[in-house]
């Protein structure tokens, strides 16, 4: 019988970001108190699973999310640079308030090509590095399970690629909530299904401002609506389904 391997992609918990900055790869951004509670709930959810490998993005928020799971599983959370957040030219800038990035028309040039995208790391490069780390984790945990702690955009992009969907998308429509799990199930070397769950769903608050790149697009819509319309009308509704492979 062909062995089954599951690679879980865990998004970090809520970040303390009172100034509404697009933090991206900037250091110094840690989990909020709610984010720490989210990480604890995830640890309880995965404690009984057959997870034998645990890796994390080097960003503080990801490592802090991985820590309770590492303790519950009795594993060390190895750092892997390939799990890092996608690069973004707007890192460090505010997405809200009177000094937000859209007060400066010079910012608009970065939206010239939403399909690449022109404001950050190309989607194809994100797919390449995420596929490589998923493949390595699958090899390390063959016949068991692995847990990889990363960020919303990298997780969503590798899911789109795995499901054979186009990479361009509206960031506000990603099915990848804070502290959520996107689970890739392999039969041997073949990906057979993609699952999604929210172990910390009870802590997801309605009306919470978007975090990360989704916050950027939440404001871009006010100034650049034509950018968001491109290709968004036919976007598929996310959901679990079986797929033939990566």
C-alpha atoms as a PDB file:
ATOM      1  CA  UNK A   1       0.000   0.000   0.000  1.00  0.00           C
ATOM      2  CA  UNK A   2       1.321   3.469  -0.912  1.00  0.00           C
ATOM      3  CA  UNK A   3       2.235   5.504   2.157  1.00  0.00           C
ATOM      4  CA  UNK A   4       0.377   8.715   2.988  1.00  0.00           C
ATOM      5  CA  UNK A   5       2.167  11.902   4.014  1.00  0.00           C
ATOM      6  CA  UNK A   6       0.562  15.170   5.133  1.00  0.00           C
ATOM      7  CA  UNK A   7       2.290  18.563   5.070  1.00  0.00           C
ATOM      8  CA  UNK A   8       0.445  21.186   7.128  1.00  0.00           C
ATOM      9  CA  UNK A   9       1.038  24.865   6.320  1.00  0.00           C
ATOM     10  CA  UNK A  10       0.284  27.006   9.374  1.00  0.00           C
ATOM     11  CA  UNK A  11      -0.167  30.758   9.118  1.00  0.00           C
ATOM     12  CA  UNK A  12       1.129  32.715  12.124  1.00  0.00           C
ATOM     13  CA  UNK A  13      -1.250  34.248  14.676  1.00  0.00           C
ATOM     14  CA  UNK A  14      -2.371  37.854  15.084  1.00  0.00           C
ATOM     15  CA  UNK A  15       0.438  40.427  15.200  1.00  0.00           C
ATOM     16  CA  UNK A  16       0.731  43.445  17.506  1.00  0.00           C
ATOM     17  CA  UNK A  17       0.736  46.292  14.984  1.00  0.00           C
ATOM     18  CA  UNK A  18      -0.933  49.393  16.480  1.00  0.00           C
ATOM     19  CA  UNK A  19       0.398  51.755  13.783  1.00  0.00           C
ATOM     20  CA  UNK A  20      -1.047  49.735  10.913  1.00  0.00           C
ATOM     21  CA  UNK A  21       2.313  49.209   9.194  1.00  0.00           C
ATOM     22  CA  UNK A  22       2.807  46.718   6.381  1.00  0.00           C
ATOM     23  CA  UNK A  23       5.527  44.842   8.261  1.00  0.00           C
ATOM     24  CA  UNK A  24       6.428  42.221   5.648  1.00  0.00           C
ATOM     25  CA  UNK A  25       9.949  41.001   6.408  1.00  0.00           C
ATOM     26  CA  UNK A  26      10.752  43.751   8.907  1.00  0.00           C
ATOM     27  CA  UNK A  27      12.054  42.523  12.273  1.00  0.00           C
ATOM     28  CA  UNK A  28      10.467  43.393  15.594  1.00  0.00           C
ATOM     29  CA  UNK A  29       6.843  42.438  14.902  1.00  0.00           C
ATOM     30  CA  UNK A  30       5.600  39.966  17.501  1.00  0.00           C
ATOM     31  CA  UNK A  31       2.355  38.197  18.251  1.00  0.00           C
ATOM     32  CA  UNK A  32      -0.328  40.107  20.125  1.00  0.00           C
ATOM     33  CA  UNK A  33      -1.857  38.582  23.241  1.00  0.00           C
ATOM     34  CA  UNK A  34      -4.638  37.193  21.034  1.00  0.00           C
ATOM     35  CA  UNK A  35      -2.003  35.844  18.660  1.00  0.00           C
ATOM     36  CA  UNK A  36      -0.338  33.957  21.502  1.00  0.00           C
ATOM     37  CA  UNK A  37      -3.668  32.435  22.481  1.00  0.00           C
ATOM     38  CA  UNK A  38      -4.146  31.411  18.847  1.00  0.00           C
ATOM     39  CA  UNK A  39      -0.783  29.649  18.882  1.00  0.00           C
ATOM     40  CA  UNK A  40      -1.764  27.751  22.033  1.00  0.00           C
ATOM     41  CA  UNK A  41      -5.028  26.597  20.439  1.00  0.00           C
ATOM     42  CA  UNK A  42      -3.157  25.358  17.373  1.00  0.00           C
ATOM     43  CA  UNK A  43      -0.736  23.461  19.615  1.00  0.00           C
ATOM     44  CA  UNK A  44      -3.648  21.681  21.289  1.00  0.00           C
ATOM     45  CA  UNK A  45      -5.140  20.855  17.899  1.00  0.00           C
ATOM     46  CA  UNK A  46      -1.960  19.255  16.528  1.00  0.00           C
ATOM     47  CA  UNK A  47      -0.692  17.655  19.730  1.00  0.00           C
ATOM     48  CA  UNK A  48      -2.180  14.243  18.955  1.00  0.00           C
ATOM     49  CA  UNK A  49      -1.183  14.201  15.281  1.00  0.00           C
ATOM     50  CA  UNK A  50       1.633  12.135  13.804  1.00  0.00           C
ATOM     51  CA  UNK A  51       3.859  15.159  13.159  1.00  0.00           C
ATOM     52  CA  UNK A  52       7.567  14.282  13.023  1.00  0.00           C
ATOM     53  CA  UNK A  53       9.019  17.418  11.379  1.00  0.00           C
ATOM     54  CA  UNK A  54       8.505  21.091  12.276  1.00  0.00           C
ATOM     55  CA  UNK A  55       9.932  24.100  10.441  1.00  0.00           C
ATOM     56  CA  UNK A  56       9.274  27.823  10.724  1.00  0.00           C
ATOM     57  CA  UNK A  57       9.822  31.064   8.872  1.00  0.00           C
ATOM     58  CA  UNK A  58      12.594  33.121  10.517  1.00  0.00           C
ATOM     59  CA  UNK A  59      10.196  35.993  11.310  1.00  0.00           C
ATOM     60  CA  UNK A  60       9.465  36.468  15.020  1.00  0.00           C
ATOM     61  CA  UNK A  61       5.704  36.086  14.621  1.00  0.00           C
ATOM     62  CA  UNK A  62       6.132  32.722  12.909  1.00  0.00           C
ATOM     63  CA  UNK A  63       8.620  31.392  15.452  1.00  0.00           C
ATOM     64  CA  UNK A  64       6.360  32.500  18.299  1.00  0.00           C
ATOM     65  CA  UNK A  65       3.459  30.668  16.654  1.00  0.00           C
ATOM     66  CA  UNK A  66       5.582  27.532  16.254  1.00  0.00           C
ATOM     67  CA  UNK A  67       6.859  27.502  19.847  1.00  0.00           C
ATOM     68  CA  UNK A  68       3.765  26.052  21.597  1.00  0.00           C
ATOM     69  CA  UNK A  69       3.389  23.378  18.907  1.00  0.00           C
ATOM     70  CA  UNK A  70       7.054  22.453  19.251  1.00  0.00           C
ATOM     71  CA  UNK A  71       6.576  22.013  22.998  1.00  0.00           C
ATOM     72  CA  UNK A  72       3.394  19.969  22.562  1.00  0.00           C
ATOM     73  CA  UNK A  73       4.976  17.716  19.934  1.00  0.00           C
ATOM     74  CA  UNK A  74       8.379  17.391  21.577  1.00  0.00           C
ATOM     75  CA  UNK A  75      10.094  18.701  18.450  1.00  0.00           C
ATOM     76  CA  UNK A  76      12.546  21.473  17.627  1.00  0.00           C
ATOM     77  CA  UNK A  77      11.205  24.150  15.283  1.00  0.00           C
ATOM     78  CA  UNK A  78      13.965  24.443  12.690  1.00  0.00           C
ATOM     79  CA  UNK A  79      14.191  27.784  10.868  1.00  0.00           C
ATOM     80  CA  UNK A  80      13.845  27.711   7.087  1.00  0.00           C
ATOM     81  CA  UNK A  81      14.343  30.898   5.045  1.00  0.00           C
ATOM     82  CA  UNK A  82      12.151  29.543   2.244  1.00  0.00           C
ATOM     83  CA  UNK A  83       9.091  29.947   4.474  1.00  0.00           C
ATOM     84  CA  UNK A  84       9.618  33.701   4.872  1.00  0.00           C
ATOM     85  CA  UNK A  85       6.996  36.307   3.977  1.00  0.00           C
ATOM     86  CA  UNK A  86       6.984  37.574   0.389  1.00  0.00           C
ATOM     87  CA  UNK A  87       9.013  40.721  -0.252  1.00  0.00           C
ATOM     88  CA  UNK A  88       7.051  43.957  -0.726  1.00  0.00           C
ATOM     89  CA  UNK A  89       8.147  47.475  -1.737  1.00  0.00           C
ATOM     90  CA  UNK A  90       5.711  48.978   0.782  1.00  0.00           C
ATOM     91  CA  UNK A  91       7.338  47.405   3.861  1.00  0.00           C
ATOM     92  CA  UNK A  92       7.455  49.829   6.774  1.00  0.00           C
ATOM     93  CA  UNK A  93       4.776  52.148   5.386  1.00  0.00           C
ATOM     94  CA  UNK A  94       1.407  52.798   6.996  1.00  0.00           C
ATOM     95  CA  UNK A  95      -1.711  51.500   5.310  1.00  0.00           C
ATOM     96  CA  UNK A  96      -4.133  53.800   7.183  1.00  0.00           C
ATOM     97  CA  UNK A  97      -4.256  57.313   8.618  1.00  0.00           C
ATOM     98  CA  UNK A  98      -3.371  60.692   7.146  1.00  0.00           C
ATOM     99  CA  UNK A  99       0.189  59.573   6.331  1.00  0.00           C
ATOM    100  CA  UNK A 100      -0.745  56.332   4.551  1.00  0.00           C
ATOM    101  CA  UNK A 101       1.096  55.234   1.432  1.00  0.00           C
ATOM    102  CA  UNK A 102      -1.722  56.246  -0.923  1.00  0.00           C
ATOM    103  CA  UNK A 103      -1.333  59.919  -0.043  1.00  0.00           C
ATOM    104  CA  UNK A 104       1.734  59.827  -2.291  1.00  0.00           C
ATOM    105  CA  UNK A 105       0.840  59.411  -6.010  1.00  0.00           C
ATOM    106  CA  UNK A 106       4.376  58.111  -6.630  1.00  0.00           C
ATOM    107  CA  UNK A 107       3.244  54.869  -4.999  1.00  0.00           C
ATOM    108  CA  UNK A 108       0.818  54.181  -7.842  1.00  0.00           C
ATOM    109  CA  UNK A 109       3.563  53.119 -10.249  1.00  0.00           C
ATOM    110  CA  UNK A 110       4.117  49.998  -8.165  1.00  0.00           C
ATOM    111  CA  UNK A 111       0.662  48.756  -9.192  1.00  0.00           C
ATOM    112  CA  UNK A 112       1.391  48.789 -12.921  1.00  0.00           C
ATOM    113  CA  UNK A 113       1.388  44.971 -13.207  1.00  0.00           C
ATOM    114  CA  UNK A 114      -0.841  43.095 -10.737  1.00  0.00           C
ATOM    115  CA  UNK A 115      -0.159  39.768 -12.457  1.00  0.00           C
ATOM    116  CA  UNK A 116       3.543  39.563 -11.538  1.00  0.00           C
ATOM    117  CA  UNK A 117       3.018  41.441  -9.108  1.00  0.00           C
ATOM    118  CA  UNK A 118       4.997  44.656  -9.595  1.00  0.00           C
ATOM    119  CA  UNK A 119       4.819  45.647  -5.895  1.00  0.00           C
ATOM    120  CA  UNK A 120       6.611  42.588  -4.554  1.00  0.00           C
ATOM    121  CA  UNK A 121       8.246  39.207  -4.986  1.00  0.00           C
ATOM    122  CA  UNK A 122       7.007  37.517  -8.186  1.00  0.00           C
ATOM    123  CA  UNK A 123       4.389  34.869  -7.553  1.00  0.00           C
ATOM    124  CA  UNK A 124       6.353  32.333  -9.597  1.00  0.00           C
ATOM    125  CA  UNK A 125       9.356  32.759  -7.282  1.00  0.00           C
ATOM    126  CA  UNK A 126       7.162  32.286  -4.214  1.00  0.00           C
ATOM    127  CA  UNK A 127       5.795  29.069  -5.736  1.00  0.00           C
ATOM    128  CA  UNK A 128       9.302  27.781  -6.438  1.00  0.00           C
ATOM    129  CA  UNK A 129      10.623  28.254  -2.917  1.00  0.00           C
ATOM    130  CA  UNK A 130       7.448  27.018  -1.237  1.00  0.00           C
ATOM    131  CA  UNK A 131       7.304  23.920  -3.434  1.00  0.00           C
ATOM    132  CA  UNK A 132      10.936  23.192  -2.560  1.00  0.00           C
ATOM    133  CA  UNK A 133      10.333  23.398   1.189  1.00  0.00           C
ATOM    134  CA  UNK A 134       7.130  21.345   0.955  1.00  0.00           C
ATOM    135  CA  UNK A 135       8.984  18.663  -1.025  1.00  0.00           C
ATOM    136  CA  UNK A 136      11.788  18.585   1.559  1.00  0.00           C
ATOM    137  CA  UNK A 137       9.312  18.375   4.444  1.00  0.00           C
ATOM    138  CA  UNK A 138       7.421  15.583   2.684  1.00  0.00           C
ATOM    139  CA  UNK A 139      10.655  13.627   2.260  1.00  0.00           C
ATOM    140  CA  UNK A 140      11.619  14.151   5.909  1.00  0.00           C
ATOM    141  CA  UNK A 141       8.189  13.053   7.173  1.00  0.00           C
ATOM    142  CA  UNK A 142       7.407  10.341   4.627  1.00  0.00           C
ATOM    143  CA  UNK A 143       4.605   8.178   5.934  1.00  0.00           C
ATOM    144  CA  UNK A 144       3.892  10.701   8.698  1.00  0.00           C
ATOM    145  CA  UNK A 145       3.115  14.432   8.929  1.00  0.00           C
ATOM    146  CA  UNK A 146       5.058  17.710   8.875  1.00  0.00           C
ATOM    147  CA  UNK A 147       4.155  21.188  10.109  1.00  0.00           C
ATOM    148  CA  UNK A 148       5.484  24.318   8.353  1.00  0.00           C
ATOM    149  CA  UNK A 149       4.823  27.765   9.849  1.00  0.00           C
ATOM    150  CA  UNK A 150       4.707  30.519   7.262  1.00  0.00           C
ATOM    151  CA  UNK A 151       2.685  33.540   6.124  1.00  0.00           C
ATOM    152  CA  UNK A 152      -0.568  34.154   4.304  1.00  0.00           C
ATOM    153  CA  UNK A 153       0.698  34.992   0.821  1.00  0.00           C
ATOM    154  CA  UNK A 154       3.214  32.114   0.489  1.00  0.00           C
ATOM    155  CA  UNK A 155       0.666  29.605   1.800  1.00  0.00           C
ATOM    156  CA  UNK A 156      -2.108  30.830  -0.479  1.00  0.00           C
ATOM    157  CA  UNK A 157       0.141  30.980  -3.545  1.00  0.00           C
ATOM    158  CA  UNK A 158       1.401  27.400  -3.177  1.00  0.00           C
ATOM    159  CA  UNK A 159      -2.209  26.277  -2.691  1.00  0.00           C
ATOM    160  CA  UNK A 160      -3.279  28.024  -5.908  1.00  0.00           C
ATOM    161  CA  UNK A 161      -0.399  26.376  -7.752  1.00  0.00           C
ATOM    162  CA  UNK A 162      -1.214  22.947  -6.286  1.00  0.00           C
ATOM    163  CA  UNK A 163      -4.843  23.252  -7.330  1.00  0.00           C
ATOM    164  CA  UNK A 164      -3.919  24.398 -10.830  1.00  0.00           C
ATOM    165  CA  UNK A 165      -5.479  27.842 -10.417  1.00  0.00           C
ATOM    166  CA  UNK A 166      -4.104  31.136 -11.694  1.00  0.00           C
ATOM    167  CA  UNK A 167      -1.729  32.898  -9.316  1.00  0.00           C
ATOM    168  CA  UNK A 168      -3.179  36.406  -9.721  1.00  0.00           C
ATOM    169  CA  UNK A 169      -5.908  36.991  -7.127  1.00  0.00           C
ATOM    170  CA  UNK A 170      -7.502  39.552  -4.832  1.00  0.00           C
ATOM    171  CA  UNK A 171      -5.563  39.278  -1.516  1.00  0.00           C
ATOM    172  CA  UNK A 172      -8.733  40.036   0.434  1.00  0.00           C
ATOM    173  CA  UNK A 173     -10.323  36.807  -0.806  1.00  0.00           C
ATOM    174  CA  UNK A 174      -7.672  34.369   0.376  1.00  0.00           C
ATOM    175  CA  UNK A 175      -8.884  31.418   2.428  1.00  0.00           C
ATOM    176  CA  UNK A 176      -6.001  31.602   4.868  1.00  0.00           C
ATOM    177  CA  UNK A 177      -7.075  33.125   8.178  1.00  0.00           C
ATOM    178  CA  UNK A 178      -4.750  33.854  11.077  1.00  0.00           C
ATOM    179  CA  UNK A 179      -3.464  30.619  12.681  1.00  0.00           C
ATOM    180  CA  UNK A 180      -5.196  28.499  10.026  1.00  0.00           C
ATOM    181  CA  UNK A 181      -3.958  25.185   8.642  1.00  0.00           C
ATOM    182  CA  UNK A 182      -3.760  24.367   4.931  1.00  0.00           C
ATOM    183  CA  UNK A 183      -3.056  20.638   4.702  1.00  0.00           C
ATOM    184  CA  UNK A 184      -1.559  18.917   1.646  1.00  0.00           C
ATOM    185  CA  UNK A 185      -2.093  15.157   1.586  1.00  0.00           C
ATOM    186  CA  UNK A 186       0.215  13.044  -0.570  1.00  0.00           C
ATOM    187  CA  UNK A 187      -0.114   9.436  -1.637  1.00  0.00           C
ATOM    188  CA  UNK A 188       3.489   8.566  -2.330  1.00  0.00           C
ATOM    189  CA  UNK A 189       4.707  11.500  -4.410  1.00  0.00           C
ATOM    190  CA  UNK A 190       1.266  12.459  -5.694  1.00  0.00           C
ATOM    191  CA  UNK A 191      -0.782  15.226  -4.114  1.00  0.00           C
ATOM    192  CA  UNK A 192      -4.327  13.880  -3.713  1.00  0.00           C
ATOM    193  CA  UNK A 193      -6.121  16.533  -1.656  1.00  0.00           C
ATOM    194  CA  UNK A 194      -5.932  19.984  -0.095  1.00  0.00           C
ATOM    195  CA  UNK A 195      -7.686  20.601   3.224  1.00  0.00           C
ATOM    196  CA  UNK A 196      -8.277  23.703   5.297  1.00  0.00           C
ATOM    197  CA  UNK A 197      -9.125  24.263   8.971  1.00  0.00           C
ATOM    198  CA  UNK A 198      -9.122  27.044  11.567  1.00  0.00           C
ATOM    199  CA  UNK A 199      -8.101  25.663  14.992  1.00  0.00           C
ATOM    200  CA  UNK A 200      -8.202  29.184  16.448  1.00  0.00           C
ATOM    201  CA  UNK A 201     -11.381  30.196  14.662  1.00  0.00           C
ATOM    202  CA  UNK A 202     -13.083  31.149  17.927  1.00  0.00           C
ATOM    203  CA  UNK A 203     -10.569  33.977  18.332  1.00  0.00           C
ATOM    204  CA  UNK A 204     -11.028  35.412  14.851  1.00  0.00           C
ATOM    205  CA  UNK A 205     -12.869  38.660  15.448  1.00  0.00           C
ATOM    206  CA  UNK A 206     -15.355  40.152  13.013  1.00  0.00           C
ATOM    207  CA  UNK A 207     -14.308  43.582  11.852  1.00  0.00           C
ATOM    208  CA  UNK A 208     -10.624  43.036  12.638  1.00  0.00           C
ATOM    209  CA  UNK A 209      -8.584  45.106  10.148  1.00  0.00           C
ATOM    210  CA  UNK A 210      -6.775  42.989   7.540  1.00  0.00           C
ATOM    211  CA  UNK A 211      -3.125  42.204   8.256  1.00  0.00           C
ATOM    212  CA  UNK A 212      -0.201  41.980   5.857  1.00  0.00           C
ATOM    213  CA  UNK A 213      -0.672  42.484   2.119  1.00  0.00           C
ATOM    214  CA  UNK A 214      -4.458  42.208   2.420  1.00  0.00           C
ATOM    215  CA  UNK A 215      -4.338  45.487   4.367  1.00  0.00           C
ATOM    216  CA  UNK A 216      -2.515  47.096   1.448  1.00  0.00           C
ATOM    217  CA  UNK A 217      -5.252  46.095  -0.990  1.00  0.00           C
ATOM    218  CA  UNK A 218      -7.977  47.133   1.414  1.00  0.00           C
ATOM    219  CA  UNK A 219      -6.720  50.705   1.013  1.00  0.00           C
ATOM    220  CA  UNK A 220      -5.647  50.394  -2.608  1.00  0.00           C
ATOM    221  CA  UNK A 221      -9.261  49.773  -3.544  1.00  0.00           C
ATOM    222  CA  UNK A 222     -10.091  53.340  -2.564  1.00  0.00           C
ATOM    223  CA  UNK A 223      -7.429  54.857  -4.804  1.00  0.00           C
ATOM    224  CA  UNK A 224      -6.881  52.247  -7.501  1.00  0.00           C
ATOM    225  CA  UNK A 225     -10.098  50.284  -8.061  1.00  0.00           C
ATOM    226  CA  UNK A 226      -9.125  49.330 -11.633  1.00  0.00           C
ATOM    227  CA  UNK A 227      -6.151  47.355 -10.303  1.00  0.00           C
ATOM    228  CA  UNK A 228      -8.376  45.160  -8.191  1.00  0.00           C
ATOM    229  CA  UNK A 229     -10.933  44.553 -10.908  1.00  0.00           C
ATOM    230  CA  UNK A 230      -8.410  42.886 -13.198  1.00  0.00           C
ATOM    231  CA  UNK A 231      -9.164  39.192 -13.209  1.00  0.00           C
ATOM    232  CA  UNK A 232     -11.207  39.235  -9.999  1.00  0.00           C
ATOM    233  CA  UNK A 233     -14.654  38.683 -11.473  1.00  0.00           C
ATOM    234  CA  UNK A 234     -14.023  35.053 -12.391  1.00  0.00           C
ATOM    235  CA  UNK A 235     -12.105  34.130  -9.264  1.00  0.00           C
ATOM    236  CA  UNK A 236     -13.130  30.741  -7.948  1.00  0.00           C
ATOM    237  CA  UNK A 237     -14.599  30.286  -4.501  1.00  0.00           C
ATOM    238  CA  UNK A 238     -11.947  28.520  -2.395  1.00  0.00           C
ATOM    239  CA  UNK A 239     -12.712  25.135  -0.930  1.00  0.00           C
ATOM    240  CA  UNK A 240     -11.220  21.708  -0.242  1.00  0.00           C
ATOM    241  CA  UNK A 241     -11.003  19.375  -3.202  1.00  0.00           C
ATOM    242  CA  UNK A 242      -8.927  16.568  -4.663  1.00  0.00           C
ATOM    243  CA  UNK A 243      -6.232  17.489  -7.146  1.00  0.00           C
ATOM    244  CA  UNK A 244      -3.981  15.370  -9.341  1.00  0.00           C
ATOM    245  CA  UNK A 245      -0.661  16.803  -8.241  1.00  0.00           C
ATOM    246  CA  UNK A 246       1.564  19.821  -7.760  1.00  0.00           C
END
